[in-house]
Amino acid sequence: MENKVALIGIVVENFDEISNLNAILHEYADFIIGRMGIPYKKRDVSIISIAIDAPGDVINALSGKIGKLSGVTSKTVCAKIDEE
């Protein structure tokens, strides 16, 4: 399966799920290019962006696991990049 480059945007409203989110991200560490987290105290949320290079099924699995967490919202944007 062809790899895709994707960005997963995550908004965390339920901070009790942070350890579960980190455990999920750790499972996929080999595919993660980078991660940026921004605590937004004014709105009491954390905003996290994950850049990933992986097969589509891996991206979908990661996004699905994140989406099952209570109080955590995520959206994924994919770009098909030709292998060099």
Protein backbone atom coordinates (compact mmCIF):
# COMPACT_ATOMS: atom_id res chain seq x y z
CA MET A 1 0.00 0.00 0.00
CA GLU A 2 1.23 3.46 -0.88
CA ASN A 3 2.24 5.81 1.92
CA LYS A 4 0.46 9.10 2.39
CA VAL A 5 1.50 12.21 4.22
CA ALA A 6 -1.21 13.39 6.57
CA LEU A 7 -1.93 15.92 9.26
CA ILE A 8 -4.11 14.95 12.19
CA GLY A 9 -5.56 17.89 14.10
CA ILE A 10 -6.63 17.04 17.65
CA VAL A 11 -8.54 19.11 20.21
CA VAL A 12 -8.49 17.77 23.77
CA GLU A 13 -11.25 18.97 26.09
CA ASN A 14 -11.10 16.04 28.53
CA PHE A 15 -7.66 16.05 30.12
CA ASP A 16 -8.34 12.68 31.78
CA GLU A 17 -7.75 11.16 28.32
CA ILE A 18 -4.26 12.63 27.84
CA SER A 19 -2.44 9.49 29.02
CA ASN A 20 -4.60 7.33 26.71
CA LEU A 21 -3.92 9.69 23.80
CA ASN A 22 -0.18 9.59 24.47
CA ALA A 23 -0.25 5.78 24.63
CA ILE A 24 -1.99 5.64 21.23
CA LEU A 25 0.51 8.07 19.71
CA HIS A 26 3.38 6.02 21.14
CA GLU A 27 2.02 2.93 19.31
CA TYR A 28 2.42 4.80 16.02
CA ALA A 29 5.72 6.54 16.81
CA ASP A 30 7.51 4.91 13.86
CA PHE A 31 5.18 6.73 11.44
CA ILE A 32 5.01 10.12 13.17
CA ILE A 33 7.14 12.83 11.53
CA GLY A 34 6.47 15.47 14.16
CA ARG A 35 4.11 16.66 16.82
CA MET A 36 3.18 20.10 18.12
CA GLY A 37 1.02 20.73 21.15
CA ILE A 38 -0.44 24.05 22.22
CA PRO A 39 -2.17 24.40 25.59
CA TYR A 40 -4.90 27.03 25.21
CA LYS A 41 -5.68 27.92 28.80
CA LYS A 42 -8.18 30.65 27.89
CA ARG A 43 -10.51 27.97 26.44
CA ASP A 44 -9.31 25.12 28.69
CA VAL A 45 -8.32 22.91 25.74
CA SER A 46 -5.14 21.55 24.20
CA ILE A 47 -4.59 21.68 20.45
CA ILE A 48 -2.26 19.06 18.99
CA SER A 49 -1.12 18.55 15.42
CA ILE A 50 0.48 15.31 14.27
CA ALA A 51 2.34 15.01 10.96
CA ILE A 52 2.48 11.40 9.78
CA ASP A 53 3.86 9.43 6.82
CA ALA A 54 2.15 6.03 6.67
CA PRO A 55 -0.08 3.73 4.62
CA GLY A 56 -3.71 4.82 4.50
CA ASP A 57 -4.90 1.96 6.71
CA VAL A 58 -2.42 2.95 9.42
CA ILE A 59 -3.55 6.58 9.27
CA ASN A 60 -7.20 5.49 9.46
CA ALA A 61 -6.50 3.18 12.41
CA LEU A 62 -4.69 5.91 14.33
CA SER A 63 -7.39 8.48 13.60
CA GLY A 64 -10.10 5.99 14.58
CA LYS A 65 -8.49 5.18 17.92
CA ILE A 66 -8.11 8.89 18.71
CA GLY A 67 -11.74 9.51 17.75
CA LYS A 68 -12.97 6.94 20.28
CA LEU A 69 -11.52 8.89 23.21
CA SER A 70 -14.11 10.79 25.23
CA GLY A 71 -13.74 14.57 24.98
CA VAL A 72 -11.15 14.34 22.19
CA THR A 73 -11.94 15.50 18.66
CA SER A 74 -9.77 14.86 15.61
CA LYS A 75 -9.79 15.48 11.87
CA THR A 76 -7.37 14.12 9.30
CA VAL A 77 -6.16 15.72 6.08
CA CYS A 78 -4.23 13.51 3.63
CA ALA A 79 -2.11 14.29 0.59
CA LYS A 80 -1.00 11.63 -1.82
CA ILE A 81 2.74 12.00 -2.32
CA ASP A 82 4.58 10.06 -5.03
CA GLU A 83 7.46 7.94 -3.73
CA GLU A 84 10.85 9.10 -5.04
